[in-house]
Amino acid sequence: GKGGFELGGTSDAYVALLAESAESFDEDKP
């Protein structure tokens, strides 16, 4: 609450992730 965040420790955060790239020879096809 004062600008500090825990160093180390065990994470209890779970994340969903979605990445976007493109086909190797067609940038218009994600």
PDB file of all heavy atoms in Angstrom:
ATOM      1  N   GLY A   1       0.789  -1.219   0.000  1.00  0.00           N
ATOM      2  CA  GLY A   1       0.000   0.000   0.000  1.00  0.00           C
ATOM      3  C   GLY A   1       0.821   1.269   0.000  1.00  0.00           C
ATOM      4  O   GLY A   1       0.277   2.376   0.007  1.00  0.00           O
ATOM      5  N   LYS A   2       2.139   1.133  -0.035  1.00  0.00           N
ATOM      6  CA  LYS A   2       3.027   2.301  -0.019  1.00  0.00           C
ATOM      7  C   LYS A   2       4.037   2.231  -1.162  1.00  0.00           C
ATOM      8  O   LYS A   2       5.140   2.765  -1.071  1.00  0.00           O
ATOM      9  CB  LYS A   2       3.749   2.376   1.324  1.00  0.00           C
ATOM     10  CG  LYS A   2       2.814   2.611   2.517  1.00  0.00           C
ATOM     11  CD  LYS A   2       3.547   2.541   3.841  1.00  0.00           C
ATOM     12  CE  LYS A   2       3.889   1.103   4.190  1.00  0.00           C
ATOM     13  NZ  LYS A   2       4.483   0.996   5.568  1.00  0.00           N
ATOM     14  N   GLY A   3       3.669   1.544  -2.229  1.00  0.00           N
ATOM     15  CA  GLY A   3       4.541   1.445  -3.387  1.00  0.00           C
ATOM     16  C   GLY A   3       5.459   0.237  -3.385  1.00  0.00           C
ATOM     17  O   GLY A   3       6.233   0.039  -4.311  1.00  0.00           O
ATOM     18  N   GLY A   4       5.383  -0.553  -2.322  1.00  0.00           N
ATOM     19  CA  GLY A   4       6.243  -1.729  -2.222  1.00  0.00           C
ATOM     20  C   GLY A   4       5.495  -3.000  -2.576  1.00  0.00           C
ATOM     21  O   GLY A   4       4.294  -3.134  -2.319  1.00  0.00           O
ATOM     22  N   PHE A   5       6.227  -3.953  -3.177  1.00  0.00           N
ATOM     23  CA  PHE A   5       5.651  -5.249  -3.541  1.00  0.00           C
ATOM     24  C   PHE A   5       6.590  -6.356  -3.080  1.00  0.00           C
ATOM     25  O   PHE A   5       7.810  -6.226  -3.173  1.00  0.00           O
ATOM     26  CB  PHE A   5       5.426  -5.339  -5.055  1.00  0.00           C
ATOM     27  CG  PHE A   5       4.367  -4.405  -5.557  1.00  0.00           C
ATOM     28  CD1 PHE A   5       4.688  -3.108  -5.903  1.00  0.00           C
ATOM     29  CD2 PHE A   5       3.048  -4.816  -5.651  1.00  0.00           C
ATOM     30  CE1 PHE A   5       3.720  -2.227  -6.365  1.00  0.00           C
ATOM     31  CE2 PHE A   5       2.062  -3.950  -6.102  1.00  0.00           C
ATOM     32  CZ  PHE A   5       2.403  -2.648  -6.457  1.00  0.00           C
ATOM     33  N   GLU A   6       6.012  -7.435  -2.615  1.00  0.00           N
ATOM     34  CA  GLU A   6       6.754  -8.559  -2.053  1.00  0.00           C
ATOM     35  C   GLU A   6       7.849  -9.061  -2.995  1.00  0.00           C
ATOM     36  O   GLU A   6       7.641  -9.217  -4.197  1.00  0.00           O
ATOM     37  CB  GLU A   6       5.776  -9.688  -1.761  1.00  0.00           C
ATOM     38  CG  GLU A   6       6.403 -10.951  -1.202  1.00  0.00           C
ATOM     39  CD  GLU A   6       5.399 -12.081  -1.097  1.00  0.00           C
ATOM     40  OE1 GLU A   6       4.467 -12.117  -1.913  1.00  0.00           O
ATOM     41  OE2 GLU A   6       5.561 -12.927  -0.202  1.00  0.00           O
ATOM     42  N   LEU A   7       9.021  -9.302  -2.432  1.00  0.00           N
ATOM     43  CA  LEU A   7      10.140  -9.878  -3.178  1.00  0.00           C
ATOM     44  C   LEU A   7      10.192 -11.369  -2.884  1.00  0.00           C
ATOM     45  O   LEU A   7      10.341 -11.780  -1.734  1.00  0.00           O
ATOM     46  CB  LEU A   7      11.451  -9.214  -2.775  1.00  0.00           C
ATOM     47  CG  LEU A   7      12.729  -9.723  -3.452  1.00  0.00           C
ATOM     48  CD1 LEU A   7      12.693  -9.408  -4.941  1.00  0.00           C
ATOM     49  CD2 LEU A   7      13.961  -9.093  -2.814  1.00  0.00           C
ATOM     50  N   GLY A   8      10.068 -12.207  -3.913  1.00  0.00           N
ATOM     51  CA  GLY A   8      10.056 -13.646  -3.686  1.00  0.00           C
ATOM     52  C   GLY A   8       8.700 -14.097  -3.181  1.00  0.00           C
ATOM     53  O   GLY A   8       7.681 -13.434  -3.338  1.00  0.00           O
ATOM     54  N   GLY A   9       8.690 -15.235  -2.528  1.00  0.00           N
ATOM     55  CA  GLY A   9       7.437 -15.770  -2.021  1.00  0.00           C
ATOM     56  C   GLY A   9       6.757 -16.676  -3.024  1.00  0.00           C
ATOM     57  O   GLY A   9       7.232 -16.892  -4.136  1.00  0.00           O
ATOM     58  N   THR A  10       5.606 -17.206  -2.629  1.00  0.00           N
ATOM     59  CA  THR A  10       4.836 -18.122  -3.468  1.00  0.00           C
ATOM     60  C   THR A  10       3.665 -17.397  -4.098  1.00  0.00           C
ATOM     61  O   THR A  10       2.903 -16.723  -3.408  1.00  0.00           O
ATOM     62  CB  THR A  10       4.312 -19.304  -2.637  1.00  0.00           C
ATOM     63  OG1 THR A  10       5.420 -19.981  -2.045  1.00  0.00           O
ATOM     64  CG2 THR A  10       3.550 -20.280  -3.511  1.00  0.00           C
ATOM     65  N   SER A  11       3.523 -17.530  -5.407  1.00  0.00           N
ATOM     66  CA  SER A  11       2.445 -16.842  -6.114  1.00  0.00           C
ATOM     67  C   SER A  11       1.116 -17.562  -5.928  1.00  0.00           C
ATOM     68  O   SER A  11       1.040 -18.778  -6.008  1.00  0.00           O
ATOM     69  CB  SER A  11       2.770 -16.750  -7.603  1.00  0.00           C
ATOM     70  OG  SER A  11       1.676 -16.177  -8.309  1.00  0.00           O
ATOM     71  N   ASP A  12       0.074 -16.773  -5.681  1.00  0.00           N
ATOM     72  CA  ASP A  12      -1.275 -17.310  -5.609  1.00  0.00           C
ATOM     73  C   ASP A  12      -2.129 -16.691  -6.721  1.00  0.00           C
ATOM     74  O   ASP A  12      -3.341 -16.643  -6.623  1.00  0.00           O
ATOM     75  CB  ASP A  12      -1.888 -17.019  -4.240  1.00  0.00           C
ATOM     76  CG  ASP A  12      -3.133 -17.862  -3.979  1.00  0.00           C
ATOM     77  OD1 ASP A  12      -3.174 -19.014  -4.441  1.00  0.00           O
ATOM     78  OD2 ASP A  12      -4.074 -17.345  -3.332  1.00  0.00           O
ATOM     79  N   ALA A  13      -1.436 -16.200  -7.764  1.00  0.00           N
ATOM     80  CA  ALA A  13      -2.128 -15.571  -8.890  1.00  0.00           C
ATOM     81  C   ALA A  13      -2.203 -16.545 -10.065  1.00  0.00           C
ATOM     82  O   ALA A  13      -1.200 -17.147 -10.444  1.00  0.00           O
ATOM     83  CB  ALA A  13      -1.400 -14.294  -9.305  1.00  0.00           C
ATOM     84  N   TYR A  14      -3.396 -16.671 -10.631  1.00  0.00           N
ATOM     85  CA  TYR A  14      -3.604 -17.539 -11.785  1.00  0.00           C
ATOM     86  C   TYR A  14      -4.003 -16.673 -12.978  1.00  0.00           C
ATOM     87  O   TYR A  14      -4.783 -15.725 -12.839  1.00  0.00           O
ATOM     88  CB  TYR A  14      -4.660 -18.591 -11.476  1.00  0.00           C
ATOM     89  CG  TYR A  14      -4.231 -19.514 -10.364  1.00  0.00           C
ATOM     90  CD1 TYR A  14      -4.457 -19.177  -9.026  1.00  0.00           C
ATOM     91  CD2 TYR A  14      -3.560 -20.693 -10.640  1.00  0.00           C
ATOM     92  CE1 TYR A  14      -4.030 -20.009  -8.001  1.00  0.00           C
ATOM     93  CE2 TYR A  14      -3.143 -21.538  -9.616  1.00  0.00           C
ATOM     94  CZ  TYR A  14      -3.376 -21.180  -8.303  1.00  0.00           C
ATOM     95  OH  TYR A  14      -2.937 -22.001  -7.289  1.00  0.00           O
ATOM     96  N   VAL A  15      -3.464 -17.001 -14.128  1.00  0.00           N
ATOM     97  CA  VAL A  15      -3.577 -16.138 -15.297  1.00  0.00           C
ATOM     98  C   VAL A  15      -4.072 -16.934 -16.503  1.00  0.00           C
ATOM     99  O   VAL A  15      -3.700 -18.095 -16.688  1.00  0.00           O
ATOM    100  CB  VAL A  15      -2.200 -15.511 -15.629  1.00  0.00           C
ATOM    101  CG1 VAL A  15      -2.270 -14.646 -16.885  1.00  0.00           C
ATOM    102  CG2 VAL A  15      -1.681 -14.698 -14.441  1.00  0.00           C
ATOM    103  N   ALA A  16      -4.916 -16.301 -17.320  1.00  0.00           N
ATOM    104  CA  ALA A  16      -5.266 -16.818 -18.646  1.00  0.00           C
ATOM    105  C   ALA A  16      -4.553 -15.955 -19.671  1.00  0.00           C
ATOM    106  O   ALA A  16      -4.401 -14.743 -19.481  1.00  0.00           O
ATOM    107  CB  ALA A  16      -6.773 -16.784 -18.860  1.00  0.00           C
ATOM    108  N   LEU A  17      -4.110 -16.571 -20.758  1.00  0.00           N
ATOM    109  CA  LEU A  17      -3.233 -15.894 -21.719  1.00  0.00           C
ATOM    110  C   LEU A  17      -3.668 -16.207 -23.148  1.00  0.00           C
ATOM    111  O   LEU A  17      -3.985 -17.345 -23.471  1.00  0.00           O
ATOM    112  CB  LEU A  17      -1.804 -16.359 -21.476  1.00  0.00           C
ATOM    113  CG  LEU A  17      -0.642 -15.916 -22.344  1.00  0.00           C
ATOM    114  CD1 LEU A  17       0.669 -16.049 -21.552  1.00  0.00           C
ATOM    115  CD2 LEU A  17      -0.520 -16.729 -23.632  1.00  0.00           C
ATOM    116  N   LEU A  18      -3.668 -15.185 -24.012  1.00  0.00           N
ATOM    117  CA  LEU A  18      -3.983 -15.371 -25.424  1.00  0.00           C
ATOM    118  C   LEU A  18      -3.025 -14.521 -26.260  1.00  0.00           C
ATOM    119  O   LEU A  18      -3.005 -13.299 -26.128  1.00  0.00           O
ATOM    120  CB  LEU A  18      -5.427 -14.958 -25.721  1.00  0.00           C
ATOM    121  CG  LEU A  18      -5.904 -15.091 -27.172  1.00  0.00           C
ATOM    122  CD1 LEU A  18      -5.917 -16.552 -27.611  1.00  0.00           C
ATOM    123  CD2 LEU A  18      -7.291 -14.471 -27.339  1.00  0.00           C
ATOM    124  N   ALA A  19      -2.215 -15.174 -27.085  1.00  0.00           N
ATOM    125  CA  ALA A  19      -1.214 -14.474 -27.896  1.00  0.00           C
ATOM    126  C   ALA A  19      -1.612 -14.502 -29.361  1.00  0.00           C
ATOM    127  O   ALA A  19      -2.149 -15.493 -29.854  1.00  0.00           O
ATOM    128  CB  ALA A  19       0.154 -15.127 -27.721  1.00  0.00           C
ATOM    129  N   GLU A  20      -1.322 -13.388 -30.072  1.00  0.00           N
ATOM    130  CA  GLU A  20      -1.635 -13.285 -31.499  1.00  0.00           C
ATOM    131  C   GLU A  20      -0.366 -13.130 -32.325  1.00  0.00           C
ATOM    132  O   GLU A  20       0.427 -12.218 -32.115  1.00  0.00           O
ATOM    133  CB  GLU A  20      -2.551 -12.095 -31.771  1.00  0.00           C
ATOM    134  CG  GLU A  20      -2.870 -11.927 -33.249  1.00  0.00           C
ATOM    135  CD  GLU A  20      -3.771 -10.744 -33.552  1.00  0.00           C
ATOM    136  OE1 GLU A  20      -4.379 -10.209 -32.596  1.00  0.00           O
ATOM    137  OE2 GLU A  20      -3.859 -10.351 -34.727  1.00  0.00           O
ATOM    138  N   SER A  21      -0.186 -14.026 -33.278  1.00  0.00           N
ATOM    139  CA  SER A  21       0.886 -13.948 -34.256  1.00  0.00           C
ATOM    140  C   SER A  21       0.219 -13.954 -35.641  1.00  0.00           C
ATOM    141  O   SER A  21      -0.939 -13.546 -35.777  1.00  0.00           O
ATOM    142  CB  SER A  21       1.844 -15.134 -34.090  1.00  0.00           C
ATOM    143  OG  SER A  21       2.908 -15.076 -35.016  1.00  0.00           O
ATOM    144  N   ALA A  22       0.933 -14.392 -36.664  1.00  0.00           N
ATOM    145  CA  ALA A  22       0.355 -14.481 -38.004  1.00  0.00           C
ATOM    146  C   ALA A  22       1.008 -15.634 -38.743  1.00  0.00           C
ATOM    147  O   ALA A  22       2.091 -16.104 -38.367  1.00  0.00           O
ATOM    148  CB  ALA A  22       0.566 -13.178 -38.775  1.00  0.00           C
ATOM    149  N   GLU A  23       0.334 -16.091 -39.798  1.00  0.00           N
ATOM    150  CA  GLU A  23       0.931 -17.140 -40.605  1.00  0.00           C
ATOM    151  C   GLU A  23       2.239 -16.640 -41.220  1.00  0.00           C
ATOM    152  O   GLU A  23       2.380 -15.470 -41.563  1.00  0.00           O
ATOM    153  CB  GLU A  23      -0.035 -17.590 -41.707  1.00  0.00           C
ATOM    154  CG  GLU A  23      -1.195 -18.398 -41.191  1.00  0.00           C
ATOM    155  CD  GLU A  23      -1.969 -19.077 -42.308  1.00  0.00           C
ATOM    156  OE1 GLU A  23      -1.468 -19.083 -43.442  1.00  0.00           O
ATOM    157  OE2 GLU A  23      -3.057 -19.591 -42.028  1.00  0.00           O
ATOM    158  N   SER A  24       3.171 -17.531 -41.391  1.00  0.00           N
ATOM    159  CA  SER A  24       4.530 -17.173 -41.773  1.00  0.00           C
ATOM    160  C   SER A  24       4.623 -16.388 -43.085  1.00  0.00           C
ATOM    161  O   SER A  24       5.484 -15.529 -43.239  1.00  0.00           O
ATOM    162  CB  SER A  24       5.386 -18.440 -41.879  1.00  0.00           C
ATOM    163  OG  SER A  24       6.737 -18.114 -42.062  1.00  0.00           O
ATOM    164  N   PHE A  25       3.715 -16.660 -44.032  1.00  0.00           N
ATOM    165  CA  PHE A  25       3.775 -15.971 -45.312  1.00  0.00           C
ATOM    166  C   PHE A  25       2.489 -15.212 -45.631  1.00  0.00           C
ATOM    167  O   PHE A  25       2.227 -14.900 -46.794  1.00  0.00           O
ATOM    168  CB  PHE A  25       4.096 -16.976 -46.438  1.00  0.00           C
ATOM    169  CG  PHE A  25       5.495 -17.514 -46.342  1.00  0.00           C
ATOM    170  CD1 PHE A  25       5.744 -18.714 -45.691  1.00  0.00           C
ATOM    171  CD2 PHE A  25       6.561 -16.808 -46.866  1.00  0.00           C
ATOM    172  CE1 PHE A  25       7.034 -19.211 -45.580  1.00  0.00           C
ATOM    173  CE2 PHE A  25       7.852 -17.285 -46.763  1.00  0.00           C
ATOM    174  CZ  PHE A  25       8.099 -18.491 -46.119  1.00  0.00           C
ATOM    175  N   ASP A  26       1.711 -14.910 -44.593  1.00  0.00           N
ATOM    176  CA  ASP A  26       0.498 -14.131 -44.798  1.00  0.00           C
ATOM    177  C   ASP A  26       0.153 -13.395 -43.508  1.00  0.00           C
ATOM    178  O   ASP A  26      -0.507 -13.930 -42.629  1.00  0.00           O
ATOM    179  CB  ASP A  26      -0.667 -15.023 -45.230  1.00  0.00           C
ATOM    180  CG  ASP A  26      -1.830 -14.225 -45.794  1.00  0.00           C
ATOM    181  OD1 ASP A  26      -1.924 -13.020 -45.471  1.00  0.00           O
ATOM    182  OD2 ASP A  26      -2.628 -14.798 -46.554  1.00  0.00           O
ATOM    183  N   GLU A  27       0.593 -12.154 -43.433  1.00  0.00           N
ATOM    184  CA  GLU A  27       0.411 -11.364 -42.218  1.00  0.00           C
ATOM    185  C   GLU A  27      -1.051 -11.052 -41.933  1.00  0.00           C
ATOM    186  O   GLU A  27      -1.417 -10.682 -40.821  1.00  0.00           O
ATOM    187  CB  GLU A  27       1.210 -10.064 -42.332  1.00  0.00           C
ATOM    188  CG  GLU A  27       1.441  -9.359 -41.003  1.00  0.00           C
ATOM    189  CD  GLU A  27       2.415  -8.209 -41.124  1.00  0.00           C
ATOM    190  OE1 GLU A  27       2.841  -7.903 -42.251  1.00  0.00           O
ATOM    191  OE2 GLU A  27       2.757  -7.623 -40.094  1.00  0.00           O
ATOM    192  N   ASP A  28      -1.909 -11.207 -42.941  1.00  0.00           N
ATOM    193  CA  ASP A  28      -3.324 -10.918 -42.767  1.00  0.00           C
ATOM    194  C   ASP A  28      -4.121 -12.101 -42.225  1.00  0.00           C
ATOM    195  O   ASP A  28      -5.347 -12.017 -42.104  1.00  0.00           O
ATOM    196  CB  ASP A  28      -3.935 -10.479 -44.106  1.00  0.00           C
ATOM    197  CG  ASP A  28      -3.361  -9.149 -44.586  1.00  0.00           C
ATOM    198  OD1 ASP A  28      -3.055  -8.301 -43.727  1.00  0.00           O
ATOM    199  OD2 ASP A  28      -3.207  -8.980 -45.809  1.00  0.00           O
ATOM    200  N   LYS A  29      -3.431 -13.199 -41.934  1.00  0.00           N
ATOM    201  CA  LYS A  29      -4.102 -14.370 -41.362  1.00  0.00           C
ATOM    202  C   LYS A  29      -3.548 -14.635 -39.962  1.00  0.00           C
ATOM    203  O   LYS A  29      -2.529 -15.294 -39.792  1.00  0.00           O
ATOM    204  CB  LYS A  29      -3.898 -15.596 -42.256  1.00  0.00           C
ATOM    205  CG  LYS A  29      -4.602 -15.483 -43.601  1.00  0.00           C
ATOM    206  CD  LYS A  29      -4.381 -16.726 -44.441  1.00  0.00           C
ATOM    207  CE  LYS A  29      -5.103 -16.619 -45.784  1.00  0.00           C
ATOM    208  NZ  LYS A  29      -4.855 -17.799 -46.642  1.00  0.00           N
ATOM    209  N   PRO A  30      -4.221 -14.104 -38.944  1.00  0.00           N
ATOM    210  CA  PRO A  30      -3.730 -14.274 -37.575  1.00  0.00           C
ATOM    211  C   PRO A  30      -3.713 -15.732 -37.121  1.00  0.00           C
ATOM    212  O   PRO A  30      -4.539 -16.544 -37.546  1.00  0.00           O
ATOM    213  CB  PRO A  30      -4.725 -13.464 -36.734  1.00  0.00           C
ATOM    214  CG  PRO A  30      -5.341 -12.506 -37.692  1.00  0.00           C
ATOM    215  CD  PRO A  30      -5.402 -13.235 -39.004  1.00  0.00           C
TER     216      PRO A  30
END
